[in-house]
């Protein structure tokens, strides 16, 4: 009876953990604000995953793999958004600057 209850609790917990991940992931994957993504990385690393010795971390220990997956997704999205920003904003600015410089040198 005790083993069945523990198995049921584990399955119930795993389903809640998967539900949390499945609910958050689409919102995070579509986030475009780089500042928000940076803040989210800080919060997950420092406040959620970083607290090893508190009572709260003991109660969230089972969710640690889920939060680590979420952190990995946020890192990936942040990297993508940063590369896109550099390509779209900084890259064109540099091309424009070099064209202006070229025109000045020719004149």
N, C-alpha and C. Protein backbone atom coordinates (compact mmCIF):
# COMPACT_ATOMS: atom_id res chain seq x y z
N UNK A 1 0.84 -1.20 0.00
CA UNK A 1 0.00 0.00 0.00
C UNK A 1 0.87 1.25 0.00
N UNK A 2 1.93 1.26 0.83
CA UNK A 2 2.80 2.42 0.93
C UNK A 2 3.55 2.67 -0.37
N UNK A 3 4.00 1.59 -1.03
CA UNK A 3 4.71 1.73 -2.30
C UNK A 3 3.77 2.26 -3.37
N UNK A 4 2.55 1.79 -3.38
CA UNK A 4 1.58 2.26 -4.35
C UNK A 4 1.28 3.74 -4.14
N UNK A 5 1.19 4.17 -2.90
CA UNK A 5 0.94 5.57 -2.59
C UNK A 5 2.13 6.43 -3.02
N UNK A 6 3.34 5.97 -2.77
CA UNK A 6 4.54 6.71 -3.17
C UNK A 6 4.63 6.79 -4.68
N UNK A 7 4.30 5.71 -5.38
CA UNK A 7 4.31 5.71 -6.84
C UNK A 7 3.27 6.68 -7.37
N UNK A 8 2.10 6.67 -6.77
CA UNK A 8 1.04 7.59 -7.19
C UNK A 8 1.48 9.04 -6.98
N UNK A 9 2.09 9.34 -5.83
CA UNK A 9 2.58 10.69 -5.56
C UNK A 9 3.65 11.10 -6.57
N UNK A 10 4.55 10.18 -6.91
CA UNK A 10 5.60 10.49 -7.88
C UNK A 10 5.00 10.78 -9.25
N UNK A 11 4.07 9.97 -9.69
CA UNK A 11 3.43 10.18 -11.00
C UNK A 11 2.67 11.48 -11.00
N UNK A 12 1.96 11.77 -9.92
CA UNK A 12 1.22 13.02 -9.81
C UNK A 12 2.17 14.21 -9.87
N UNK A 13 3.30 14.13 -9.15
CA UNK A 13 4.28 15.20 -9.15
C UNK A 13 4.91 15.37 -10.53
N UNK A 14 5.25 14.26 -11.18
CA UNK A 14 5.85 14.32 -12.51
C UNK A 14 4.90 14.96 -13.51
N UNK A 15 3.63 14.68 -13.41
CA UNK A 15 2.63 15.29 -14.30
C UNK A 15 2.54 16.79 -14.07
N UNK A 16 2.57 17.21 -12.80
CA UNK A 16 2.53 18.65 -12.50
C UNK A 16 3.78 19.33 -13.02
N UNK A 17 4.93 18.69 -12.88
CA UNK A 17 6.19 19.25 -13.36
C UNK A 17 6.16 19.40 -14.87
N UNK A 18 5.68 18.39 -15.57
CA UNK A 18 5.56 18.45 -17.02
C UNK A 18 4.57 19.52 -17.43
N UNK A 19 3.47 19.63 -16.71
CA UNK A 19 2.48 20.66 -17.01
C UNK A 19 3.08 22.05 -16.85
N UNK A 20 3.86 22.26 -15.80
CA UNK A 20 4.53 23.55 -15.60
C UNK A 20 5.43 23.87 -16.77
N UNK A 21 6.25 22.92 -17.18
CA UNK A 21 7.17 23.13 -18.30
C UNK A 21 6.40 23.37 -19.59
N UNK A 22 5.38 22.56 -19.84
CA UNK A 22 4.60 22.69 -21.08
C UNK A 22 3.83 24.00 -21.13
N UNK A 23 3.50 24.56 -19.98
CA UNK A 23 2.80 25.84 -19.93
C UNK A 23 3.75 27.01 -20.14
N UNK A 24 4.92 26.95 -19.52
CA UNK A 24 5.86 28.07 -19.59
C UNK A 24 6.64 28.13 -20.90
N UNK A 25 7.02 26.98 -21.44
CA UNK A 25 7.91 26.95 -22.59
C UNK A 25 7.41 27.76 -23.79
N UNK A 26 6.14 27.63 -24.22
CA UNK A 26 5.70 28.43 -25.38
C UNK A 26 5.80 29.93 -25.14
N UNK A 27 5.56 30.37 -23.92
CA UNK A 27 5.65 31.79 -23.60
C UNK A 27 7.10 32.26 -23.68
N UNK A 28 8.03 31.44 -23.21
CA UNK A 28 9.44 31.80 -23.20
C UNK A 28 10.04 31.76 -24.60
N UNK A 29 9.62 30.80 -25.40
CA UNK A 29 10.18 30.65 -26.74
C UNK A 29 9.76 31.81 -27.65
N UNK A 30 8.66 32.45 -27.35
CA UNK A 30 8.19 33.56 -28.18
C UNK A 30 8.54 34.93 -27.60
N UNK A 31 9.26 34.96 -26.50
CA UNK A 31 9.64 36.23 -25.87
C UNK A 31 10.70 36.93 -26.72
N UNK A 32 10.52 38.23 -26.96
CA UNK A 32 11.46 38.98 -27.79
C UNK A 32 12.26 40.00 -27.00
N UNK A 33 11.87 40.30 -25.78
CA UNK A 33 12.53 41.33 -24.99
C UNK A 33 13.80 40.76 -24.35
N UNK A 34 14.95 41.25 -24.82
CA UNK A 34 16.24 40.76 -24.33
C UNK A 34 16.42 41.07 -22.84
N UNK A 35 16.00 42.25 -22.41
CA UNK A 35 16.13 42.61 -20.99
C UNK A 35 15.34 41.65 -20.10
N UNK A 36 14.12 41.33 -20.52
CA UNK A 36 13.29 40.40 -19.75
C UNK A 36 13.96 39.03 -19.67
N UNK A 37 14.51 38.56 -20.78
CA UNK A 37 15.17 37.25 -20.79
C UNK A 37 16.39 37.24 -19.88
N UNK A 38 17.16 38.35 -19.87
CA UNK A 38 18.32 38.44 -18.97
C UNK A 38 17.88 38.40 -17.51
N UNK A 39 16.83 39.14 -17.18
CA UNK A 39 16.33 39.14 -15.81
C UNK A 39 15.82 37.75 -15.41
N UNK A 40 15.19 37.08 -16.33
CA UNK A 40 14.67 35.74 -16.05
C UNK A 40 15.82 34.76 -15.80
N UNK A 41 16.90 34.87 -16.55
CA UNK A 41 18.07 34.02 -16.31
C UNK A 41 18.61 34.28 -14.91
N UNK A 42 18.73 35.56 -14.53
CA UNK A 42 19.23 35.90 -13.20
C UNK A 42 18.33 35.33 -12.10
N UNK A 43 17.04 35.48 -12.27
CA UNK A 43 16.09 34.99 -11.26
C UNK A 43 16.19 33.47 -11.14
N UNK A 44 16.19 32.79 -12.27
CA UNK A 44 16.26 31.32 -12.22
C UNK A 44 17.57 30.84 -11.61
N UNK A 45 18.69 31.47 -11.98
CA UNK A 45 19.99 31.03 -11.48
C UNK A 45 20.18 31.37 -10.01
N UNK A 46 19.85 32.60 -9.63
CA UNK A 46 20.18 33.07 -8.29
C UNK A 46 19.10 32.72 -7.26
N UNK A 47 17.85 32.92 -7.61
CA UNK A 47 16.78 32.79 -6.61
C UNK A 47 16.11 31.42 -6.61
N UNK A 48 16.00 30.80 -7.77
CA UNK A 48 15.28 29.53 -7.82
C UNK A 48 16.25 28.35 -7.70
N UNK A 49 17.28 28.33 -8.53
CA UNK A 49 18.21 27.20 -8.51
C UNK A 49 19.39 27.41 -7.58
N UNK A 50 19.69 28.64 -7.22
CA UNK A 50 20.87 28.93 -6.44
C UNK A 50 20.72 28.72 -4.95
N UNK A 51 19.53 28.70 -4.43
CA UNK A 51 19.33 28.55 -3.00
C UNK A 51 19.36 27.08 -2.62
N UNK A 52 20.51 26.62 -2.15
CA UNK A 52 20.70 25.21 -1.84
C UNK A 52 20.28 24.86 -0.42
N UNK A 53 20.39 25.79 0.53
CA UNK A 53 20.28 25.42 1.94
C UNK A 53 19.00 25.90 2.62
N UNK A 54 18.08 26.43 1.90
CA UNK A 54 16.87 26.92 2.55
C UNK A 54 15.79 25.84 2.60
N UNK A 55 14.80 26.05 3.42
CA UNK A 55 13.68 25.12 3.51
C UNK A 55 12.92 25.07 2.19
N UNK A 56 12.83 26.23 1.55
CA UNK A 56 12.09 26.30 0.30
C UNK A 56 12.75 25.44 -0.78
N UNK A 57 14.08 25.42 -0.80
CA UNK A 57 14.75 24.63 -1.82
C UNK A 57 14.52 23.13 -1.61
N UNK A 58 14.34 22.71 -0.37
CA UNK A 58 14.03 21.30 -0.11
C UNK A 58 12.67 20.93 -0.69
N UNK A 59 11.71 21.82 -0.56
CA UNK A 59 10.38 21.53 -1.08
C UNK A 59 10.33 21.61 -2.60
N UNK A 60 11.27 22.35 -3.22
CA UNK A 60 11.31 22.48 -4.67
C UNK A 60 12.34 21.57 -5.31
N UNK A 61 12.97 20.71 -4.53
CA UNK A 61 14.04 19.86 -5.05
C UNK A 61 13.57 19.00 -6.21
N UNK A 62 12.35 18.53 -6.16
CA UNK A 62 11.83 17.71 -7.25
C UNK A 62 11.59 18.48 -8.53
N UNK A 63 11.43 19.79 -8.39
CA UNK A 63 11.22 20.62 -9.58
C UNK A 63 12.53 21.10 -10.20
N UNK A 64 13.63 20.82 -9.56
CA UNK A 64 14.94 21.30 -10.05
C UNK A 64 15.19 20.93 -11.52
N UNK A 65 14.96 19.68 -11.94
CA UNK A 65 15.18 19.35 -13.36
C UNK A 65 14.30 20.17 -14.30
N UNK A 66 13.07 20.44 -13.88
CA UNK A 66 12.17 21.25 -14.70
C UNK A 66 12.69 22.67 -14.81
N UNK A 67 13.14 23.26 -13.69
CA UNK A 67 13.68 24.62 -13.74
C UNK A 67 14.97 24.67 -14.54
N UNK A 68 15.76 23.61 -14.50
CA UNK A 68 16.99 23.57 -15.31
C UNK A 68 16.66 23.52 -16.80
N UNK A 69 15.62 22.79 -17.16
CA UNK A 69 15.18 22.77 -18.57
C UNK A 69 14.67 24.13 -18.99
N UNK A 70 13.92 24.79 -18.11
CA UNK A 70 13.42 26.12 -18.42
C UNK A 70 14.58 27.09 -18.58
N UNK A 71 15.57 27.01 -17.69
CA UNK A 71 16.75 27.87 -17.79
C UNK A 71 17.49 27.63 -19.10
N UNK A 72 17.64 26.38 -19.51
CA UNK A 72 18.30 26.08 -20.78
C UNK A 72 17.53 26.68 -21.96
N UNK A 73 16.20 26.60 -21.92
CA UNK A 73 15.39 27.20 -22.98
C UNK A 73 15.52 28.71 -23.02
N UNK A 74 15.55 29.33 -21.84
CA UNK A 74 15.70 30.79 -21.78
C UNK A 74 17.08 31.19 -22.30
N UNK A 75 18.12 30.44 -21.94
CA UNK A 75 19.46 30.71 -22.47
C UNK A 75 19.48 30.63 -23.99
N UNK A 76 18.86 29.60 -24.51
CA UNK A 76 18.82 29.42 -25.96
C UNK A 76 18.08 30.58 -26.64
N UNK A 77 16.96 30.98 -26.07
CA UNK A 77 16.18 32.08 -26.64
C UNK A 77 16.95 33.39 -26.54
N UNK A 78 17.63 33.62 -25.43
CA UNK A 78 18.43 34.83 -25.25
C UNK A 78 19.56 34.88 -26.28
N UNK A 79 20.21 33.76 -26.49
CA UNK A 79 21.28 33.71 -27.49
C UNK A 79 20.73 34.02 -28.88
N UNK A 80 19.60 33.44 -29.22
CA UNK A 80 18.99 33.69 -30.53
C UNK A 80 18.62 35.16 -30.69
N UNK A 81 17.98 35.75 -29.65
CA UNK A 81 17.56 37.15 -29.75
C UNK A 81 18.77 38.08 -29.83
N UNK A 82 19.84 37.78 -29.09
CA UNK A 82 21.05 38.61 -29.14
C UNK A 82 21.67 38.55 -30.52
N UNK A 83 21.77 37.35 -31.10
CA UNK A 83 22.33 37.23 -32.46
C UNK A 83 21.47 37.95 -33.47
N UNK A 84 20.16 37.84 -33.33
CA UNK A 84 19.25 38.52 -34.25
C UNK A 84 19.39 40.03 -34.13
N UNK A 85 19.50 40.52 -32.91
CA UNK A 85 19.68 41.96 -32.68
C UNK A 85 20.98 42.45 -33.31
N UNK A 86 22.05 41.71 -33.10
CA UNK A 86 23.34 42.10 -33.67
C UNK A 86 23.27 42.10 -35.19
N UNK A 87 22.67 41.06 -35.75
CA UNK A 87 22.56 40.97 -37.20
C UNK A 87 21.70 42.10 -37.77
N UNK A 88 20.54 42.34 -37.16
CA UNK A 88 19.59 43.31 -37.72
C UNK A 88 19.93 44.76 -37.39
N UNK A 89 20.34 45.03 -36.18
CA UNK A 89 20.55 46.40 -35.75
C UNK A 89 22.01 46.84 -35.87
N UNK A 90 22.90 46.10 -35.28
CA UNK A 90 24.31 46.49 -35.26
C UNK A 90 24.94 46.29 -36.63
N UNK A 91 24.64 45.18 -37.27
CA UNK A 91 25.23 44.89 -38.58
C UNK A 91 24.90 45.95 -39.60
N UNK A 92 23.63 46.36 -39.68
CA UNK A 92 23.24 47.39 -40.64
C UNK A 92 23.84 48.74 -40.28
N UNK A 93 23.97 49.00 -39.00
CA UNK A 93 24.59 50.26 -38.58
C UNK A 93 26.04 50.33 -39.03
N UNK A 94 26.75 49.22 -38.91
CA UNK A 94 28.15 49.18 -39.34
C UNK A 94 28.26 49.34 -40.86
N UNK A 95 27.38 48.67 -41.59
CA UNK A 95 27.39 48.81 -43.05
C UNK A 95 27.12 50.26 -43.43
N UNK A 96 26.13 50.87 -42.79
CA UNK A 96 25.79 52.25 -43.07
C UNK A 96 26.98 53.16 -42.74
N UNK A 97 27.63 52.92 -41.61
CA UNK A 97 28.80 53.71 -41.20
C UNK A 97 29.92 53.57 -42.23
N UNK A 98 30.20 52.36 -42.68
CA UNK A 98 31.28 52.17 -43.66
C UNK A 98 30.93 52.79 -45.00
N UNK A 99 29.66 52.78 -45.39
CA UNK A 99 29.25 53.46 -46.62
C UNK A 99 29.45 54.97 -46.51
N UNK A 100 29.10 55.53 -45.37
CA UNK A 100 29.32 56.96 -45.16
C UNK A 100 30.81 57.29 -45.19
N UNK A 101 31.60 56.47 -44.53
CA UNK A 101 33.04 56.66 -44.50
C UNK A 101 33.62 56.55 -45.91
N UNK A 102 33.16 55.60 -46.67
CA UNK A 102 33.60 55.41 -48.04
C UNK A 102 33.27 56.63 -48.89
N UNK A 103 32.04 57.18 -48.72
CA UNK A 103 31.63 58.36 -49.48
C UNK A 103 32.48 59.57 -49.10
N UNK A 104 32.83 59.67 -47.82
CA UNK A 104 33.67 60.79 -47.38
C UNK A 104 35.07 60.65 -47.98
N UNK A 105 35.60 59.46 -48.01
CA UNK A 105 36.92 59.24 -48.56
C UNK A 105 36.95 59.48 -50.06
N UNK A 106 35.90 59.15 -50.75
CA UNK A 106 35.84 59.37 -52.19
C UNK A 106 35.72 60.86 -52.52
N UNK A 107 34.99 61.58 -51.71
CA UNK A 107 34.74 63.01 -52.01
C UNK A 107 35.96 63.86 -51.88
